Amino acid sequence: MFAADSVPELVLSTAGDSAIRRRPALWTRDRALDYAGLAEGIARASGLLLEQGLQRGERVGLLAGRTVEAVTGFLGILAAGGAACILDPRLSAADLGVRLRSAEIGWLLADAAHDTLASGAAPRKRVQLEDAARAAPRTVDDIGRKDDALLVLTSGSTGAPKAVLLTHENLLSNAYGVIERTGVTPEDRLIHVLPLYHTNGTNNLLIVPFACGASVVLL
């Protein structure tokens, strides 16, 4: 059904389909983005990180609200060859710093609303998410299934946060399985109510619908 080797390849190929590109991709309270706009936002976020010197495989934390830019920023990290970790913006700077250090996350991509919090977490490299709007679109073309893609922070049975590292192959396998079982199509519109940093909120309510050309309503 799908032949993509990475999540960005899967999403961007769907967005480039002439039957899909002008369909709605993402809705928020004050914005609507079609698939052409989603693809541009992803490429600009990727371009910003590459412009700032992100190297393939480096880990990037995302600290942002529930916005269009947060979604394109997440996928932009992957499109730049990085491994994304979406962080809980309710945490203190000290707790965020602990997570960055324990998971060896050197970069932090943060929106303006969380700039002070991002600074307090003391990442090695901090980039402002809004700067992506002025960046030249650019992506990495040869990302493979075995490349690192996503860090999910889970407390498991201990209560202490631990980072679970997933590859593009892991994410694609999950997406294909969910698509097969649920039959999501471009005609569907999904309501997104889970935290962006939750594995279900990322994998099943962003990657899955974007792979199929469906619409996501981000509450």
C-alpha atoms as a PDB file:
ATOM      1  CA  MET A   1       0.000   0.000   0.000  1.00  0.00           C
ATOM      2  CA  PHE A   2       2.820   2.401   0.938  1.00  0.00           C
ATOM      3  CA  ALA A   3       6.445   2.394  -0.157  1.00  0.00           C
ATOM      4  CA  ALA A   4       7.863   5.264   1.934  1.00  0.00           C
ATOM      5  CA  ASP A   5      11.096   4.819   3.871  1.00  0.00           C
ATOM      6  CA  SER A   6      10.447   7.615   6.366  1.00  0.00           C
ATOM      7  CA  VAL A   7       7.594   9.533   7.944  1.00  0.00           C
ATOM      8  CA  PRO A   8       8.417  12.794   6.100  1.00  0.00           C
ATOM      9  CA  GLU A   9       8.514  10.949   2.778  1.00  0.00           C
ATOM     10  CA  LEU A  10       5.115   9.405   3.509  1.00  0.00           C
ATOM     11  CA  VAL A  11       3.472  12.683   4.586  1.00  0.00           C
ATOM     12  CA  LEU A  12       5.051  14.861   1.906  1.00  0.00           C
ATOM     13  CA  SER A  13       4.216  12.403  -0.867  1.00  0.00           C
ATOM     14  CA  THR A  14       0.595  12.423   0.278  1.00  0.00           C
ATOM     15  CA  ALA A  15       0.628  16.221   0.422  1.00  0.00           C
ATOM     16  CA  GLY A  16       2.009  16.372  -3.120  1.00  0.00           C
ATOM     17  CA  ASP A  17      -0.797  14.283  -4.585  1.00  0.00           C
ATOM     18  CA  SER A  18      -2.805  16.507  -6.942  1.00  0.00           C
ATOM     19  CA  ALA A  19      -6.028  15.099  -5.500  1.00  0.00           C
ATOM     20  CA  ILE A  20      -4.951  15.901  -1.924  1.00  0.00           C
ATOM     21  CA  ARG A  21      -2.797  19.037  -1.896  1.00  0.00           C
ATOM     22  CA  ARG A  22      -5.681  21.520  -1.669  1.00  0.00           C
ATOM     23  CA  ARG A  23      -7.693  19.485   0.802  1.00  0.00           C
ATOM     24  CA  PRO A  24      -7.754  20.636   4.457  1.00  0.00           C
ATOM     25  CA  ALA A  25      -4.981  19.078   6.527  1.00  0.00           C
ATOM     26  CA  LEU A  26      -5.054  20.843   9.884  1.00  0.00           C
ATOM     27  CA  TRP A  27      -7.580  23.023  11.698  1.00  0.00           C
ATOM     28  CA  THR A  28      -6.998  25.035  14.863  1.00  0.00           C
ATOM     29  CA  ARG A  29      -9.160  27.630  16.579  1.00  0.00           C
ATOM     30  CA  ASP A  30      -8.016  30.428  14.288  1.00  0.00           C
ATOM     31  CA  ARG A  31      -6.324  28.763  11.306  1.00  0.00           C
ATOM     32  CA  ALA A  32      -6.930  26.217   8.587  1.00  0.00           C
ATOM     33  CA  LEU A  33      -4.054  24.703   6.629  1.00  0.00           C
ATOM     34  CA  ASP A  34      -4.344  22.689   3.434  1.00  0.00           C
ATOM     35  CA  TYR A  35      -1.876  19.952   2.487  1.00  0.00           C
ATOM     36  CA  ALA A  36       0.167  22.290   0.300  1.00  0.00           C
ATOM     37  CA  GLY A  37       0.551  24.606   3.286  1.00  0.00           C
ATOM     38  CA  LEU A  38       1.382  21.690   5.580  1.00  0.00           C
ATOM     39  CA  ALA A  39       4.148  20.575   3.231  1.00  0.00           C
ATOM     40  CA  GLU A  40       5.556  24.106   3.041  1.00  0.00           C
ATOM     41  CA  GLY A  41       5.494  24.466   6.832  1.00  0.00           C
ATOM     42  CA  ILE A  42       7.315  21.168   7.283  1.00  0.00           C
ATOM     43  CA  ALA A  43       9.967  22.105   4.708  1.00  0.00           C
ATOM     44  CA  ARG A  44      10.514  25.546   6.268  1.00  0.00           C
ATOM     45  CA  ALA A  45      10.879  24.119   9.798  1.00  0.00           C
ATOM     46  CA  SER A  46      13.319  21.566   8.417  1.00  0.00           C
ATOM     47  CA  GLY A  47      15.160  24.290   6.532  1.00  0.00           C
ATOM     48  CA  LEU A  48      15.486  26.377   9.694  1.00  0.00           C
ATOM     49  CA  LEU A  49      17.104  23.525  11.608  1.00  0.00           C
ATOM     50  CA  LEU A  50      19.447  22.635   8.765  1.00  0.00           C
ATOM     51  CA  GLU A  51      20.364  26.315   8.410  1.00  0.00           C
ATOM     52  CA  GLN A  52      21.233  26.364  12.116  1.00  0.00           C
ATOM     53  CA  GLY A  53      23.510  23.348  11.672  1.00  0.00           C
ATOM     54  CA  LEU A  54      21.436  20.352  12.747  1.00  0.00           C
ATOM     55  CA  GLN A  55      23.249  17.123  11.945  1.00  0.00           C
ATOM     56  CA  ARG A  56      21.584  13.885  10.988  1.00  0.00           C
ATOM     57  CA  GLY A  57      20.510  11.837  13.989  1.00  0.00           C
ATOM     58  CA  GLU A  58      20.750  14.684  16.496  1.00  0.00           C
ATOM     59  CA  ARG A  59      17.946  14.853  19.045  1.00  0.00           C
ATOM     60  CA  VAL A  60      15.662  17.887  19.112  1.00  0.00           C
ATOM     61  CA  GLY A  61      13.178  18.727  21.841  1.00  0.00           C
ATOM     62  CA  LEU A  62       9.989  20.551  20.818  1.00  0.00           C
ATOM     63  CA  LEU A  63       8.450  22.924  23.359  1.00  0.00           C
ATOM     64  CA  ALA A  64       5.306  24.615  22.052  1.00  0.00           C
ATOM     65  CA  GLY A  65       1.586  25.091  22.408  1.00  0.00           C
ATOM     66  CA  ARG A  66      -1.121  23.319  20.425  1.00  0.00           C
ATOM     67  CA  THR A  67      -0.573  25.211  17.187  1.00  0.00           C
ATOM     68  CA  VAL A  68      -0.077  24.693  13.475  1.00  0.00           C
ATOM     69  CA  GLU A  69       3.579  25.607  13.968  1.00  0.00           C
ATOM     70  CA  ALA A  70       4.035  22.919  16.625  1.00  0.00           C
ATOM     71  CA  VAL A  71       2.773  20.249  14.225  1.00  0.00           C
ATOM     72  CA  THR A  72       4.886  21.429  11.281  1.00  0.00           C
ATOM     73  CA  GLY A  73       7.826  21.846  13.653  1.00  0.00           C
ATOM     74  CA  PHE A  74       7.556  18.242  14.824  1.00  0.00           C
ATOM     75  CA  LEU A  75       7.460  16.877  11.278  1.00  0.00           C
ATOM     76  CA  GLY A  76      10.119  19.386  10.245  1.00  0.00           C
ATOM     77  CA  ILE A  77      12.529  17.912  12.786  1.00  0.00           C
ATOM     78  CA  LEU A  78      12.061  14.517  11.186  1.00  0.00           C
ATOM     79  CA  ALA A  79      12.386  15.978   7.680  1.00  0.00           C
ATOM     80  CA  ALA A  80      15.739  17.498   8.678  1.00  0.00           C
ATOM     81  CA  GLY A  81      17.020  14.077   9.723  1.00  0.00           C
ATOM     82  CA  GLY A  82      16.648  14.708  13.442  1.00  0.00           C
ATOM     83  CA  ALA A  83      14.951  12.688  16.168  1.00  0.00           C
ATOM     84  CA  ALA A  84      12.099  14.630  17.778  1.00  0.00           C
ATOM     85  CA  CYS A  85      11.032  14.656  21.403  1.00  0.00           C
ATOM     86  CA  ILE A  86       7.829  16.599  22.092  1.00  0.00           C
ATOM     87  CA  LEU A  87       7.999  17.978  25.626  1.00  0.00           C
ATOM     88  CA  ASP A  88       5.260  18.770  28.126  1.00  0.00           C
ATOM     89  CA  PRO A  89       5.113  22.589  28.342  1.00  0.00           C
ATOM     90  CA  ARG A  90       3.623  22.400  31.842  1.00  0.00           C
ATOM     91  CA  LEU A  91       6.908  21.155  33.301  1.00  0.00           C
ATOM     92  CA  SER A  92       9.308  23.420  35.165  1.00  0.00           C
ATOM     93  CA  ALA A  93      12.562  24.513  33.572  1.00  0.00           C
ATOM     94  CA  ALA A  94      14.452  22.285  36.015  1.00  0.00           C
ATOM     95  CA  ASP A  95      12.385  19.214  35.093  1.00  0.00           C
ATOM     96  CA  LEU A  96      12.771  19.956  31.398  1.00  0.00           C
ATOM     97  CA  GLY A  97      16.517  20.253  31.864  1.00  0.00           C
ATOM     98  CA  VAL A  98      16.627  16.842  33.547  1.00  0.00           C
ATOM     99  CA  ARG A  99      14.817  15.307  30.576  1.00  0.00           C
ATOM    100  CA  LEU A 100      17.081  16.980  28.037  1.00  0.00           C
ATOM    101  CA  ARG A 101      20.197  15.755  29.782  1.00  0.00           C
ATOM    102  CA  SER A 102      18.978  12.227  30.541  1.00  0.00           C
ATOM    103  CA  ALA A 103      17.870  11.666  26.934  1.00  0.00           C
ATOM    104  CA  GLU A 104      20.904  13.473  25.485  1.00  0.00           C
ATOM    105  CA  ILE A 105      18.741  16.036  23.684  1.00  0.00           C
ATOM    106  CA  GLY A 106      21.058  18.844  22.602  1.00  0.00           C
ATOM    107  CA  TRP A 107      18.610  21.023  20.664  1.00  0.00           C
ATOM    108  CA  LEU A 108      15.415  22.731  21.754  1.00  0.00           C
ATOM    109  CA  LEU A 109      12.934  24.125  19.214  1.00  0.00           C
ATOM    110  CA  ALA A 110      10.561  26.391  21.155  1.00  0.00           C
ATOM    111  CA  ASP A 111       7.832  28.873  20.319  1.00  0.00           C
ATOM    112  CA  ALA A 112       7.884  32.445  21.593  1.00  0.00           C
ATOM    113  CA  ALA A 113       5.313  31.725  24.297  1.00  0.00           C
ATOM    114  CA  HIS A 114       7.711  29.241  25.900  1.00  0.00           C
ATOM    115  CA  ASP A 115      10.989  31.061  25.231  1.00  0.00           C
ATOM    116  CA  THR A 116      11.702  31.844  28.896  1.00  0.00           C
ATOM    117  CA  LEU A 117      10.968  28.253  29.907  1.00  0.00           C
ATOM    118  CA  ALA A 118      13.197  26.988  27.090  1.00  0.00           C
ATOM    119  CA  SER A 119      16.036  29.233  28.172  1.00  0.00           C
ATOM    120  CA  GLY A 120      15.762  28.022  31.758  1.00  0.00           C
ATOM    121  CA  ALA A 121      16.105  24.401  30.631  1.00  0.00           C
ATOM    122  CA  ALA A 122      19.592  25.314  29.351  1.00  0.00           C
ATOM    123  CA  PRO A 123      19.775  23.317  26.104  1.00  0.00           C
ATOM    124  CA  ARG A 124      23.027  23.271  24.146  1.00  0.00           C
ATOM    125  CA  LYS A 125      21.282  24.886  21.166  1.00  0.00           C
ATOM    126  CA  ARG A 126      17.990  26.801  21.213  1.00  0.00           C
ATOM    127  CA  VAL A 127      16.012  27.742  18.088  1.00  0.00           C
ATOM    128  CA  GLN A 128      12.807  29.783  17.929  1.00  0.00           C
ATOM    129  CA  LEU A 129       9.977  28.040  16.121  1.00  0.00           C
ATOM    130  CA  GLU A 130       8.514  31.194  14.582  1.00  0.00           C
ATOM    131  CA  ASP A 131      11.744  31.773  12.643  1.00  0.00           C
ATOM    132  CA  ALA A 132      10.739  28.873  10.393  1.00  0.00           C
ATOM    133  CA  ALA A 133       8.321  31.194   8.575  1.00  0.00           C
ATOM    134  CA  ARG A 134      11.342  33.044   7.110  1.00  0.00           C
ATOM    135  CA  ALA A 135      13.541  30.012   6.448  1.00  0.00           C
ATOM    136  CA  ALA A 136      14.207  28.591   3.010  1.00  0.00           C
ATOM    137  CA  PRO A 137      12.344  25.276   2.488  1.00  0.00           C
ATOM    138  CA  ARG A 138      14.752  22.350   2.614  1.00  0.00           C
ATOM    139  CA  THR A 139      14.547  18.675   3.576  1.00  0.00           C
ATOM    140  CA  VAL A 140      16.873  15.672   3.780  1.00  0.00           C
ATOM    141  CA  ASP A 141      16.067  13.252   0.971  1.00  0.00           C
ATOM    142  CA  ASP A 142      17.734  10.007   2.037  1.00  0.00           C
ATOM    143  CA  ILE A 143      16.263   9.365   5.484  1.00  0.00           C
ATOM    144  CA  GLY A 144      15.907   5.602   5.942  1.00  0.00           C
ATOM    145  CA  ARG A 145      13.707   3.266   7.921  1.00  0.00           C
ATOM    146  CA  LYS A 146      16.479   2.505  10.423  1.00  0.00           C
ATOM    147  CA  ASP A 147      17.138   6.188  11.202  1.00  0.00           C
ATOM    148  CA  ASP A 148      16.089   7.506  14.600  1.00  0.00           C
ATOM    149  CA  ALA A 149      12.788   9.413  14.461  1.00  0.00           C
ATOM    150  CA  LEU A 150      11.054   9.918  17.808  1.00  0.00           C
ATOM    151  CA  LEU A 151      11.831   9.949  21.505  1.00  0.00           C
ATOM    152  CA  VAL A 152       8.797   9.275  23.700  1.00  0.00           C
ATOM    153  CA  LEU A 153       9.178  10.035  27.397  1.00  0.00           C
ATOM    154  CA  THR A 154       7.433   7.423  29.510  1.00  0.00           C
ATOM    155  CA  SER A 155       7.378   6.919  33.275  1.00  0.00           C
ATOM    156  CA  GLY A 156       6.602   3.205  33.031  1.00  0.00           C
ATOM    157  CA  SER A 157       6.304   1.531  36.399  1.00  0.00           C
ATOM    158  CA  THR A 158       8.879   3.665  38.223  1.00  0.00           C
ATOM    159  CA  GLY A 159       7.467   7.181  37.887  1.00  0.00           C
ATOM    160  CA  ALA A 160      10.837   8.396  36.588  1.00  0.00           C
ATOM    161  CA  PRO A 161      10.853   9.625  32.960  1.00  0.00           C
ATOM    162  CA  LYS A 162      12.673   7.382  30.489  1.00  0.00           C
ATOM    163  CA  ALA A 163      13.140   8.073  26.798  1.00  0.00           C
ATOM    164  CA  VAL A 164      12.032   5.355  24.388  1.00  0.00           C
ATOM    165  CA  LEU A 165      13.763   5.775  21.019  1.00  0.00           C
ATOM    166  CA  LEU A 166      11.743   4.839  17.922  1.00  0.00           C
ATOM    167  CA  THR A 167      12.934   4.600  14.332  1.00  0.00           C
ATOM    168  CA  HIS A 168      11.082   5.582  11.166  1.00  0.00           C
ATOM    169  CA  GLU A 169      10.436   1.885  10.648  1.00  0.00           C
ATOM    170  CA  ASN A 170       8.707   1.709  14.035  1.00  0.00           C
ATOM    171  CA  LEU A 171       6.496   4.702  13.222  1.00  0.00           C
ATOM    172  CA  LEU A 172       5.666   3.468   9.720  1.00  0.00           C
ATOM    173  CA  SER A 173       4.793   0.006  11.002  1.00  0.00           C
ATOM    174  CA  ASN A 174       2.388   1.503  13.521  1.00  0.00           C
ATOM    175  CA  ALA A 175       0.860   3.837  10.936  1.00  0.00           C
ATOM    176  CA  TYR A 176       0.306   1.104   8.360  1.00  0.00           C
ATOM    177  CA  GLY A 177      -1.294  -1.142  10.966  1.00  0.00           C
ATOM    178  CA  VAL A 178      -3.676   1.556  12.205  1.00  0.00           C
ATOM    179  CA  ILE A 179      -4.594   2.566   8.647  1.00  0.00           C
ATOM    180  CA  GLU A 180      -5.315  -1.032   7.699  1.00  0.00           C
ATOM    181  CA  ARG A 181      -7.499  -1.644  10.765  1.00  0.00           C
ATOM    182  CA  THR A 182      -9.395   1.661  10.748  1.00  0.00           C
ATOM    183  CA  GLY A 183      -9.692   2.387   7.034  1.00  0.00           C
ATOM    184  CA  VAL A 184      -8.930   6.117   7.368  1.00  0.00           C
ATOM    185  CA  THR A 185      -9.521   8.013   4.090  1.00  0.00           C
ATOM    186  CA  PRO A 186      -9.214  11.616   2.844  1.00  0.00           C
ATOM    187  CA  GLU A 187     -12.913  12.007   3.606  1.00  0.00           C
ATOM    188  CA  ASP A 188     -12.343  11.594   7.346  1.00  0.00           C
ATOM    189  CA  ARG A 189     -11.889  14.385   9.871  1.00  0.00           C
ATOM    190  CA  LEU A 190     -10.259  13.456  13.192  1.00  0.00           C
ATOM    191  CA  ILE A 191     -10.642  15.406  16.439  1.00  0.00           C
ATOM    192  CA  HIS A 192      -7.281  15.669  18.232  1.00  0.00           C
ATOM    193  CA  VAL A 193      -7.782  15.889  21.995  1.00  0.00           C
ATOM    194  CA  LEU A 194      -4.660  14.173  23.359  1.00  0.00           C
ATOM    195  CA  PRO A 195      -1.400  15.902  24.343  1.00  0.00           C
ATOM    196  CA  LEU A 196       1.004  16.301  21.436  1.00  0.00           C
ATOM    197  CA  TYR A 197       3.734  14.664  23.524  1.00  0.00           C
ATOM    198  CA  HIS A 198       1.625  11.510  23.987  1.00  0.00           C
ATOM    199  CA  THR A 199       2.490   8.617  21.671  1.00  0.00           C
ATOM    200  CA  ASN A 200      -1.146   8.305  20.615  1.00  0.00           C
ATOM    201  CA  GLY A 201      -1.407  12.036  20.007  1.00  0.00           C
ATOM    202  CA  THR A 202       1.659  11.932  17.786  1.00  0.00           C
ATOM    203  CA  ASN A 203       1.498   8.591  16.004  1.00  0.00           C
ATOM    204  CA  ASN A 204      -2.205   7.900  15.631  1.00  0.00           C
ATOM    205  CA  LEU A 205      -3.679  11.402  15.480  1.00  0.00           C
ATOM    206  CA  LEU A 206      -1.016  13.148  13.371  1.00  0.00           C
ATOM    207  CA  ILE A 207       1.064  10.686  11.345  1.00  0.00           C
ATOM    208  CA  VAL A 208      -1.822   8.345  10.475  1.00  0.00           C
ATOM    209  CA  PRO A 209      -4.278  10.956   9.139  1.00  0.00           C
ATOM    210  CA  PHE A 210      -1.539  12.905   7.327  1.00  0.00           C
ATOM    211  CA  ALA A 211      -0.428   9.680   5.644  1.00  0.00           C
ATOM    212  CA  CYS A 212      -3.959   9.246   4.285  1.00  0.00           C
ATOM    213  CA  GLY A 213      -4.877  12.817   3.370  1.00  0.00           C
ATOM    214  CA  ALA A 214      -7.461  13.101   6.169  1.00  0.00           C
ATOM    215  CA  SER A 215      -8.107  16.287   8.180  1.00  0.00           C
ATOM    216  CA  VAL A 216      -7.089  16.875  11.803  1.00  0.00           C
ATOM    217  CA  VAL A 217      -8.970  19.267  14.081  1.00  0.00           C
ATOM    218  CA  LEU A 218      -6.573  20.278  16.854  1.00  0.00           C
ATOM    219  CA  LEU A 219      -8.532  21.243  19.987  1.00  0.00           C
END
